[in-house]
Protein backbone atom coordinates (compact mmCIF):
# COMPACT_ATOMS: atom_id res chain seq x y z
CA UNK A 1 -2.00 -29.98 19.32
CA UNK A 2 -1.38 -29.66 15.58
CA UNK A 3 1.87 -28.72 13.93
CA UNK A 4 3.02 -25.11 14.04
CA UNK A 5 5.62 -23.06 12.19
CA UNK A 6 7.45 -19.84 12.98
CA UNK A 7 9.49 -19.75 9.76
CA UNK A 8 8.25 -16.26 9.01
CA UNK A 9 11.11 -15.59 6.59
CA UNK A 10 10.03 -18.44 4.33
CA UNK A 11 6.41 -17.33 4.50
CA UNK A 12 7.37 -13.88 3.24
CA UNK A 13 9.91 -14.91 0.62
CA UNK A 14 7.73 -17.66 -0.82
CA UNK A 15 4.47 -15.71 -0.44
CA UNK A 16 2.88 -18.59 1.43
CA UNK A 17 -0.94 -18.21 1.45
CA UNK A 18 -2.46 -17.58 4.87
CA UNK A 19 -5.93 -18.13 6.31
CA UNK A 20 -6.76 -15.51 8.92
CA UNK A 21 -9.49 -16.96 11.14
CA UNK A 22 -9.91 -13.80 13.23
CA UNK A 23 -13.13 -11.83 13.00
CA UNK A 24 -13.48 -9.38 10.08
CA UNK A 25 -13.10 -6.35 12.37
CA UNK A 26 -9.70 -7.64 13.47
CA UNK A 27 -8.66 -8.41 9.90
CA UNK A 28 -9.62 -4.96 8.64
CA UNK A 29 -7.47 -3.30 11.32
CA UNK A 30 -4.35 -5.15 10.20
CA UNK A 31 -3.40 -8.30 8.31
CA UNK A 32 -0.72 -9.61 5.95
CA UNK A 33 -0.37 -9.16 2.18
CA UNK A 34 -1.06 -12.81 1.31
CA UNK A 35 -3.82 -13.45 3.86
CA UNK A 36 -7.49 -14.13 3.22
CA UNK A 37 -10.07 -13.62 5.95
CA UNK A 38 -12.09 -16.80 6.51
CA UNK A 39 -13.17 -16.28 10.11
CA UNK A 40 -14.06 -18.88 12.68
CA UNK A 41 -16.53 -16.36 14.16
CA UNK A 42 -18.03 -13.26 12.59
CA UNK A 43 -17.98 -9.91 14.40
CA UNK A 44 -21.30 -10.40 16.17
CA UNK A 45 -20.45 -13.91 17.34
CA UNK A 46 -17.08 -12.75 18.61
CA UNK A 47 -18.76 -9.87 20.43
CA UNK A 48 -21.25 -12.18 22.13
CA UNK A 49 -18.53 -14.61 23.19
CA UNK A 50 -16.53 -11.71 24.61
CA UNK A 51 -19.49 -10.57 26.70
CA UNK A 52 -20.05 -14.10 27.96
CA UNK A 53 -16.36 -14.38 28.89
CA UNK A 54 -16.51 -11.19 30.99
CA UNK A 55 -19.75 -12.21 32.69
CA UNK A 56 -19.35 -15.96 33.21
CA UNK A 57 -15.74 -16.88 32.44
CA UNK A 58 -13.82 -18.88 29.87
CA UNK A 59 -15.63 -22.20 30.07
CA UNK A 60 -19.03 -20.63 29.45
CA UNK A 61 -17.61 -18.48 26.63
CA UNK A 62 -16.16 -21.54 24.90
CA UNK A 63 -19.49 -23.32 25.19
CA UNK A 64 -21.28 -20.35 23.62
CA UNK A 65 -18.72 -20.26 20.81
CA UNK A 66 -19.40 -23.89 19.96
CA UNK A 67 -23.13 -23.23 20.11
CA UNK A 68 -22.89 -20.27 17.73
CA UNK A 69 -20.56 -22.04 15.32
CA UNK A 70 -22.36 -25.32 14.84
CA UNK A 71 -24.57 -27.07 12.32
CA UNK A 72 -24.79 -25.32 8.96
CA UNK A 73 -22.67 -22.37 10.12
CA UNK A 74 -19.83 -24.67 11.07
CA UNK A 75 -20.14 -26.64 7.84
CA UNK A 76 -20.02 -23.47 5.71
CA UNK A 77 -16.89 -22.19 7.43
CA UNK A 78 -15.10 -25.51 7.16
CA UNK A 79 -16.08 -25.70 3.49
CA UNK A 80 -14.52 -22.26 2.88
CA UNK A 81 -11.26 -23.37 4.51
CA UNK A 82 -11.31 -26.63 2.60
CA UNK A 83 -11.80 -24.90 -0.75
CA UNK A 84 -8.98 -22.42 -0.09
CA UNK A 85 -6.58 -25.14 1.08
CA UNK A 86 -7.39 -27.33 -1.91
CA UNK A 87 -6.60 -24.36 -4.17
CA UNK A 88 -3.54 -23.39 -2.08
CA UNK A 89 -2.03 -26.60 -0.63
CA UNK A 90 0.73 -24.75 1.27
CA UNK A 91 -1.76 -22.51 3.13
CA UNK A 92 -1.28 -21.87 6.86
CA UNK A 93 -3.81 -20.85 9.51
CA UNK A 94 -3.49 -18.15 12.15
CA UNK A 95 -5.51 -16.26 14.75
CA UNK A 96 -4.31 -13.45 17.00
CA UNK A 97 -1.95 -15.30 19.34
CA UNK A 98 -1.95 -18.78 17.83
CA UNK A 99 -4.27 -20.03 20.54
CA UNK A 100 -7.66 -21.62 20.76
CA UNK A 101 -9.26 -20.17 17.63
CA UNK A 102 -6.51 -21.25 15.25
CA UNK A 103 -6.08 -24.60 17.03
CA UNK A 104 -9.77 -25.39 16.60
CA UNK A 105 -9.78 -24.15 13.01
CA UNK A 106 -6.67 -26.21 12.32
CA UNK A 107 -8.32 -29.37 13.68
CA UNK A 108 -11.50 -28.88 11.67
CA UNK A 109 -9.69 -27.91 8.47
CA UNK A 110 -7.23 -30.81 8.74
CA UNK A 111 -10.08 -33.28 9.18
CA UNK A 112 -11.86 -31.82 6.14
CA UNK A 113 -8.87 -32.00 3.77
CA UNK A 114 -7.57 -35.31 5.09
CA UNK A 115 -4.13 -34.11 6.11
CA UNK A 116 -2.59 -31.85 8.73
CA UNK A 117 -2.67 -28.12 8.04
CA UNK A 118 -0.10 -26.08 9.94
CA UNK A 119 -0.79 -22.92 11.90
CA UNK A 120 1.43 -19.97 12.77
CA UNK A 121 3.14 -20.27 16.12
CA UNK A 122 2.29 -17.15 18.09
CA UNK A 123 -0.28 -16.12 15.48
CA UNK A 124 -0.70 -12.63 14.10
CA UNK A 125 1.03 -11.02 17.05
CA UNK A 126 4.28 -12.96 16.62
CA UNK A 127 4.36 -12.46 12.86
CA UNK A 128 3.63 -8.74 13.22
CA UNK A 129 6.52 -8.45 15.72
CA UNK A 130 8.82 -10.14 13.20
CA UNK A 131 7.79 -7.73 10.45
CA UNK A 132 8.21 -4.66 12.65
CA UNK A 133 11.74 -5.76 13.52
CA UNK A 134 12.48 -5.80 9.80
CA UNK A 135 11.52 -2.15 9.42
CA UNK A 136 14.81 -1.37 11.16
CA UNK A 137 17.45 -0.58 8.51
CA UNK A 138 20.25 -2.28 10.46
CA UNK A 139 19.53 -5.66 8.89
CA UNK A 140 19.48 -4.35 5.31
CA UNK A 141 22.48 -5.22 3.17
CA UNK A 142 21.54 -3.45 -0.05
CA UNK A 143 22.64 0.15 -0.56
CA UNK A 144 19.79 2.66 -0.91
CA UNK A 145 19.62 4.95 -3.93
CA UNK A 146 16.97 7.67 -4.11
CA UNK A 147 15.45 8.85 -7.40
CA UNK A 148 14.39 12.49 -7.24
CA UNK A 149 12.95 14.88 -9.77
CA UNK A 150 10.31 17.51 -10.31
CA UNK A 151 6.63 16.65 -10.14
CA UNK A 152 5.60 14.88 -13.33
CA UNK A 153 9.13 13.92 -14.34
CA UNK A 154 8.17 10.25 -14.57
CA UNK A 155 9.96 8.85 -11.53
CA UNK A 156 7.38 6.12 -11.01
CA UNK A 157 7.47 5.20 -14.71
CA UNK A 158 11.24 4.88 -14.43
CA UNK A 159 11.03 2.69 -11.34
CA UNK A 160 8.68 0.33 -13.14
CA UNK A 161 11.50 -0.41 -15.57
CA UNK A 162 13.72 -1.76 -12.77
CA UNK A 163 13.58 -4.94 -10.71
CA UNK A 164 15.50 -3.74 -7.64
CA UNK A 165 12.88 -1.24 -6.48
CA UNK A 166 10.90 -0.86 -3.28
CA UNK A 167 7.87 1.06 -4.57
CA UNK A 168 6.77 3.15 -1.59
CA UNK A 169 3.90 4.77 -3.47
CA UNK A 170 2.47 1.42 -4.56
CA UNK A 171 2.73 0.08 -1.01
CA UNK A 172 0.99 3.19 0.35
CA UNK A 173 -1.52 3.29 -2.55
CA UNK A 174 -0.81 6.98 -3.04
CA UNK A 175 1.06 9.01 -5.62
CA UNK A 176 2.81 11.10 -3.01
CA UNK A 177 1.44 14.57 -3.82
CA UNK A 178 -1.53 16.70 -2.80
CA UNK A 179 -3.35 15.26 -5.81
CA UNK A 180 -2.05 11.74 -5.22
CA UNK A 181 -5.08 9.98 -3.77
CA UNK A 182 -6.50 7.02 -5.66
CA UNK A 183 -10.20 6.27 -5.77
CA UNK A 184 -9.70 3.31 -3.40
CA UNK A 185 -8.41 4.22 0.07
CA UNK A 186 -4.92 3.88 1.43
CA UNK A 187 -4.16 0.86 3.61
CA UNK A 188 -4.29 1.28 7.37
CA UNK A 189 -1.00 2.38 8.92
CA UNK A 190 -0.60 -1.14 10.32
CA UNK A 191 -1.10 -2.70 6.89
CA UNK A 192 1.26 -0.17 5.33
CA UNK A 193 3.95 -1.21 7.81
CA UNK A 194 3.26 -4.91 7.26
CA UNK A 195 3.39 -4.52 3.48
CA UNK A 196 6.52 -2.37 3.62
CA UNK A 197 8.36 -4.88 5.78
CA UNK A 198 7.21 -7.62 3.42
CA UNK A 199 8.67 -5.75 0.43
CA UNK A 200 11.96 -5.08 2.22
CA UNK A 201 12.38 -8.74 3.20
CA UNK A 202 11.65 -9.92 -0.33
CA UNK A 203 14.08 -7.34 -1.73
CA UNK A 204 16.86 -8.52 0.57
CA UNK A 205 16.13 -12.16 -0.22
CA UNK A 206 16.71 -11.36 -3.90
CA UNK A 207 20.27 -10.21 -2.92
CA UNK A 208 20.11 -6.97 -4.86
CA UNK A 209 23.18 -4.85 -4.07
CA UNK A 210 21.10 -1.70 -4.64
CA UNK A 211 17.68 -0.68 -3.32
CA UNK A 212 16.08 2.01 -5.49
CA UNK A 213 13.34 4.13 -3.95
CA UNK A 214 11.52 7.28 -4.96
CA UNK A 215 12.19 10.48 -3.05
CA UNK A 216 9.19 10.64 -0.71
CA UNK A 217 10.13 12.15 2.64
CA UNK A 218 8.42 10.71 5.70
CA UNK A 219 4.82 10.75 4.52
CA UNK A 220 3.23 9.08 1.52
CA UNK A 221 -0.25 10.50 1.63
CA UNK A 222 -1.52 9.96 5.16
CA UNK A 223 0.81 7.01 5.81
CA UNK A 224 4.25 7.51 7.29
CA UNK A 225 7.54 5.67 7.21
CA UNK A 226 9.23 4.69 10.48
CA UNK A 227 11.77 7.31 11.52
CA UNK A 228 14.84 5.00 11.22
CA UNK A 229 13.94 4.23 7.60
CA UNK A 230 13.37 7.92 6.85
CA UNK A 231 16.84 8.70 8.16
CA UNK A 232 18.30 5.75 6.26
CA UNK A 233 16.89 6.94 2.94
CA UNK A 234 17.68 10.59 3.71
CA UNK A 235 21.39 9.76 3.98
CA UNK A 236 21.44 7.94 0.61
CA UNK A 237 22.84 9.14 -2.69
CA UNK A 238 20.32 10.89 -4.94
CA UNK A 239 19.81 10.66 -8.69
CA UNK A 240 18.09 13.61 -10.31
CA UNK A 241 15.69 12.68 -13.13
CA UNK A 242 15.43 15.58 -15.56
CA UNK A 243 12.42 15.76 -17.86
CA UNK A 244 11.36 18.64 -20.19
CA UNK A 245 8.29 20.57 -19.09
CA UNK A 246 6.20 19.48 -22.08
CA UNK A 247 6.80 15.83 -21.18
CA UNK A 248 6.06 16.48 -17.51
CA UNK A 249 2.73 18.04 -18.43
CA UNK A 250 1.89 15.03 -20.60
CA UNK A 251 2.89 12.52 -17.91
CA UNK A 252 0.80 14.37 -15.33
CA UNK A 253 -2.12 14.62 -17.74
CA UNK A 254 -1.96 10.91 -18.55
CA UNK A 255 -2.08 9.93 -14.88
CA UNK A 256 -4.19 12.56 -13.17
CA UNK A 257 -6.68 13.19 -15.99
CA UNK A 258 -6.89 10.30 -18.46
CA UNK A 259 -6.25 7.39 -16.08
CA UNK A 260 -8.02 9.03 -13.13
CA UNK A 261 -11.14 9.85 -15.13
CA UNK A 262 -11.29 6.26 -16.35
CA UNK A 263 -11.11 5.02 -12.74
CA UNK A 264 -13.87 7.36 -11.60
CA UNK A 265 -16.06 6.38 -14.56
CA UNK A 266 -15.55 2.70 -13.77
CA UNK A 267 -16.85 3.27 -10.24
CA UNK A 268 -19.45 6.02 -10.72
CA UNK A 269 -20.59 5.41 -14.29
CA UNK A 270 -22.09 8.47 -15.98
CA UNK A 271 -21.38 10.56 -12.87
CA UNK A 272 -17.68 9.64 -12.96
CA UNK A 273 -16.44 12.78 -14.70
CA UNK A 274 -18.17 15.06 -12.19
CA UNK A 275 -16.87 13.00 -9.27
CA UNK A 276 -13.37 13.32 -10.73
CA UNK A 277 -13.81 17.10 -10.93
CA UNK A 278 -14.91 17.23 -7.29
CA UNK A 279 -11.86 15.21 -6.30
CA UNK A 280 -9.50 17.59 -8.13
CA UNK A 281 -11.27 20.56 -6.57
CA UNK A 282 -10.81 19.00 -3.15
CA UNK A 283 -7.10 18.55 -3.82
CA UNK A 284 -6.80 22.19 -4.88
CA UNK A 285 -8.63 23.31 -1.75
CA UNK A 286 -6.13 21.45 0.43
CA UNK A 287 -3.29 23.59 -0.94
CA UNK A 288 -5.29 26.83 -1.20
CA UNK A 289 -3.28 28.68 1.45
CA UNK A 290 0.02 27.75 -0.16
CA UNK A 291 -1.25 28.68 -3.61
CA UNK A 292 -2.54 32.05 -2.52
CA UNK A 293 -6.00 33.41 -3.25
CA UNK A 294 -5.36 34.81 -6.74
CA UNK A 295 -3.52 31.75 -8.04
CA UNK A 296 -6.08 29.39 -6.51
CA UNK A 297 -8.88 31.28 -8.26
CA UNK A 298 -7.04 31.30 -11.60
CA UNK A 299 -6.29 27.56 -11.57
CA UNK A 300 -9.86 26.78 -10.53
CA UNK A 301 -11.14 28.83 -13.47
CA UNK A 302 -8.84 26.99 -15.88
CA UNK A 303 -10.00 23.67 -14.43
CA UNK A 304 -13.68 24.61 -14.83
CA UNK A 305 -13.16 25.80 -18.41
CA UNK A 306 -11.36 22.59 -19.29
CA UNK A 307 -14.13 20.53 -17.70
CA UNK A 308 -16.85 22.45 -19.54
CA UNK A 309 -14.95 22.11 -22.81
CA UNK A 310 -14.58 18.36 -22.27
CA UNK A 311 -18.33 18.01 -21.65
CA UNK A 312 -19.12 19.89 -24.86
CA UNK A 313 -16.51 18.37 -27.17
CA UNK A 314 -15.33 15.15 -25.47
CA UNK A 315 -11.82 16.61 -25.80
CA UNK A 316 -9.77 16.50 -22.58
CA UNK A 317 -6.37 17.85 -23.66
CA UNK A 318 -7.30 21.38 -22.60
CA UNK A 319 -6.73 20.21 -19.01
CA UNK A 320 -3.02 20.53 -19.75
CA UNK A 321 -3.36 24.30 -19.30
CA UNK A 322 -4.10 24.21 -15.57
CA UNK A 323 -1.63 21.37 -15.09
CA UNK A 324 1.16 23.46 -16.61
CA UNK A 325 0.34 26.45 -14.40
CA UNK A 326 0.29 24.23 -11.32
CA UNK A 327 3.65 22.67 -12.17
CA UNK A 328 5.41 25.96 -12.98
CA UNK A 329 3.95 28.18 -10.30
CA UNK A 330 3.45 25.77 -7.40
CA UNK A 331 5.37 22.52 -7.60
CA UNK A 332 8.58 23.74 -9.25
CA UNK A 333 9.36 26.52 -6.72
CA UNK A 334 8.61 24.10 -3.88
CA UNK A 335 10.92 21.48 -5.35
CA UNK A 336 13.69 24.04 -5.98
CA UNK A 337 13.54 24.99 -2.31
CA UNK A 338 13.77 21.37 -1.20
CA UNK A 339 16.57 20.71 -3.68
CA UNK A 340 18.89 23.11 -1.86
CA UNK A 341 19.13 20.61 0.99
CA UNK A 342 19.89 17.70 -1.35
CA UNK A 343 22.39 19.14 -3.81
CA UNK A 344 25.38 17.64 -2.05
CA UNK A 345 23.81 14.16 -2.25
CA UNK A 346 23.15 14.21 -6.01
CA UNK A 347 25.58 11.81 -7.69
CA UNK A 348 24.02 11.78 -11.16
CA UNK A 349 21.44 13.63 -13.22
CA UNK A 350 19.98 13.10 -16.65
CA UNK A 351 17.03 11.94 -18.70
CA UNK A 352 15.17 8.70 -18.12
CA UNK A 353 17.36 6.51 -20.36
CA UNK A 354 20.55 7.98 -18.93
CA UNK A 355 19.38 7.49 -15.35
CA UNK A 356 18.25 3.95 -16.12
CA UNK A 357 21.67 3.12 -17.60
CA UNK A 358 23.46 4.62 -14.59
CA UNK A 359 21.36 2.64 -12.09
CA UNK A 360 21.94 -0.61 -13.95
CA UNK A 361 25.68 0.05 -13.96
CA UNK A 362 25.58 0.54 -10.20
CA UNK A 363 23.58 -2.66 -9.75
């Protein structure tokens, strides 16, 4: 039996590299932010061993596992562990429960690198339990402060200027609006929870007196915050970021047109601009009922005209026209309605520099 550790706090705070030896299908369902998947068995091998276990029992299943992972296959997997450990000397190994798979991997990896490599006691399951416990706000010592503001006011840009932030949108890989999807998908709900807990633990370890978050509600795209955290943030003081409309249009244009088009072009090449258009159209369609038929048609026409103009002239600034209509006629009334329930919680309002100064004074 090799050495084990259950110092999960240190693993999170120090970002200790992890080798996940579970099969890829297990890893894709949920893993940890600093883990790399270097499996003992691939999906097919794991599937075959599982069938053998059901039909003939554990001893026969273990024998099949050793048969499948032998010779060149075994050598290649050990070599992958060895390379990662040589590059990351503090790396730890884990499987699902810290049992046979990680024990065997630990033995083989330790022999290859010439020293003992530790594994996680209790494996993925124990570490996941630890992280889920730290999604409960009762253990948090920092005081939450919520930054609100109209769509396009630059809340995320403001947060990037601070070091005491838990960036919910970055963790969820979503910009938090109907148009907020990135070209790469959101993490699974399990990974979102793991990553969120990770960020909270690291934030607390830094002993910040203040935890600044963006006003998100329960959902960030299709991912959702645990109810206790939602209630915790909902009870916090709110800072209102105020940004002139012309700047909001520019911020929105920079992110949802310029940056987004560059991302789509990087993935789709010459077809990137059209794929971007289809994505924006899809986002508009998702809010069609709330926009109303006439407004939906008008914004779609402005979008198409801007797209056609960009194709002809390579000039994209005309997209600001439909963005401005969308902000004024859709997002602003919706935010004004939501603001009625938050007015009593607003402790400060102002422009970006004023808000930044206020937050730093509170910190």
